Amino acid sequence: MTEAYLITFAQNSLTIAITIAGPVLLASLVVGSLVSLVQAATQINEVTLTFVPKIIAIIVILAVFGGWMGQQIISYTTAIFNDLPNLVK
């Protein structure tokens, strides 16, 4: 196992993690910002009001992109397991 391989492995792992987490985090950020904007405009100071829209947005994103996310994780895990013999050398 060379240093270049470890750097490539870490880079690919971080890329997959960001790619998988990105849509969920982005949806949560957008919905949270919109709800906060509405709260500021209407002067509603309810802390728990942001949770329900965020949870709904996350469920929708996971329903839409869940298959793609799972496929990305499975293909990356398969590639890692297929590359295991090269790690021993």
Protein backbone atom coordinates (compact mmCIF):
# COMPACT_ATOMS: atom_id res chain seq x y z
CA MET A 1 0.00 0.00 0.00
CA THR A 2 1.64 3.18 -1.17
CA GLU A 3 1.16 6.71 0.01
CA ALA A 4 -0.38 7.70 -3.32
CA TYR A 5 -2.95 4.91 -2.98
CA LEU A 6 -3.93 6.10 0.49
CA ILE A 7 -4.33 9.67 -0.71
CA THR A 8 -6.47 8.52 -3.64
CA PHE A 9 -8.54 6.31 -1.33
CA ALA A 10 -9.13 9.18 1.11
CA GLN A 11 -9.99 11.57 -1.71
CA ASN A 12 -12.48 9.15 -3.25
CA SER A 13 -14.04 8.42 0.14
CA LEU A 14 -14.55 12.11 0.88
CA THR A 15 -15.94 12.72 -2.60
CA ILE A 16 -18.50 9.94 -2.18
CA ALA A 17 -19.43 11.17 1.31
CA ILE A 18 -19.99 14.73 0.08
CA THR A 19 -21.90 13.51 -2.97
CA ILE A 20 -24.20 11.37 -0.83
CA ALA A 21 -24.75 13.92 1.94
CA GLY A 22 -24.98 16.95 -0.35
CA PRO A 23 -28.61 16.74 -1.52
CA VAL A 24 -29.93 16.10 1.99
CA LEU A 25 -27.89 18.91 3.54
CA LEU A 26 -28.74 21.33 0.75
CA ALA A 27 -32.48 20.64 1.04
CA SER A 28 -32.33 21.05 4.80
CA LEU A 29 -30.43 24.33 4.43
CA VAL A 30 -32.87 25.76 1.87
CA VAL A 31 -35.99 24.75 3.81
CA GLY A 32 -34.54 26.00 7.09
CA SER A 33 -33.65 29.34 5.53
CA LEU A 34 -37.10 29.74 3.97
CA VAL A 35 -38.86 28.89 7.22
CA SER A 36 -36.61 31.31 9.12
CA LEU A 37 -37.41 34.02 6.60
CA VAL A 38 -41.14 33.41 7.04
CA GLN A 39 -40.72 33.41 10.82
CA ALA A 40 -38.88 36.73 10.69
CA ALA A 41 -41.50 38.27 8.40
CA THR A 42 -44.43 37.13 10.53
CA GLN A 43 -42.65 37.51 13.89
CA ILE A 44 -43.44 33.94 14.89
CA ASN A 45 -40.82 32.86 17.42
CA GLU A 46 -41.49 29.14 17.60
CA VAL A 47 -38.26 27.14 17.72
CA THR A 48 -39.83 23.81 16.79
CA LEU A 49 -41.52 25.17 13.67
CA THR A 50 -38.48 24.50 11.48
CA PHE A 51 -38.26 20.79 12.29
CA VAL A 52 -41.38 19.53 10.52
CA PRO A 53 -40.64 21.14 7.11
CA LYS A 54 -37.01 20.01 7.32
CA ILE A 55 -38.02 16.43 8.10
CA ILE A 56 -40.53 16.44 5.24
CA ALA A 57 -37.90 17.83 2.85
CA ILE A 58 -35.37 15.20 3.93
CA ILE A 59 -37.91 12.40 3.47
CA VAL A 60 -38.75 13.68 -0.02
CA ILE A 61 -35.06 13.95 -0.97
CA LEU A 62 -34.37 10.45 0.31
CA ALA A 63 -37.39 9.10 -1.56
CA VAL A 64 -36.26 10.74 -4.80
CA PHE A 65 -32.50 10.21 -4.55
CA GLY A 66 -32.35 7.21 -2.21
CA GLY A 67 -31.87 4.63 -4.95
CA TRP A 68 -29.11 6.65 -6.55
CA MET A 69 -27.40 7.17 -3.18
CA GLY A 70 -27.58 3.47 -2.41
CA GLN A 71 -26.17 2.60 -5.83
CA GLN A 72 -23.26 4.99 -5.31
CA ILE A 73 -22.43 3.46 -1.93
CA ILE A 74 -22.75 -0.10 -3.24
CA SER A 75 -20.56 0.54 -6.28
CA TYR A 76 -17.87 2.24 -4.19
CA THR A 77 -17.93 -0.54 -1.60
CA THR A 78 -17.69 -3.15 -4.36
CA ALA A 79 -14.72 -1.32 -5.86
CA ILE A 80 -12.99 -1.26 -2.47
CA PHE A 81 -13.54 -4.99 -1.91
CA ASN A 82 -12.36 -5.78 -5.44
CA ASP A 83 -9.20 -3.77 -4.78
CA LEU A 84 -8.39 -5.56 -1.50
CA PRO A 85 -5.85 -7.96 -3.07
CA ASN A 86 -3.84 -4.97 -4.28
CA LEU A 87 -3.63 -3.64 -0.73
CA VAL A 88 -1.69 -6.67 0.46
CA LYS A 89 1.05 -6.29 -2.13
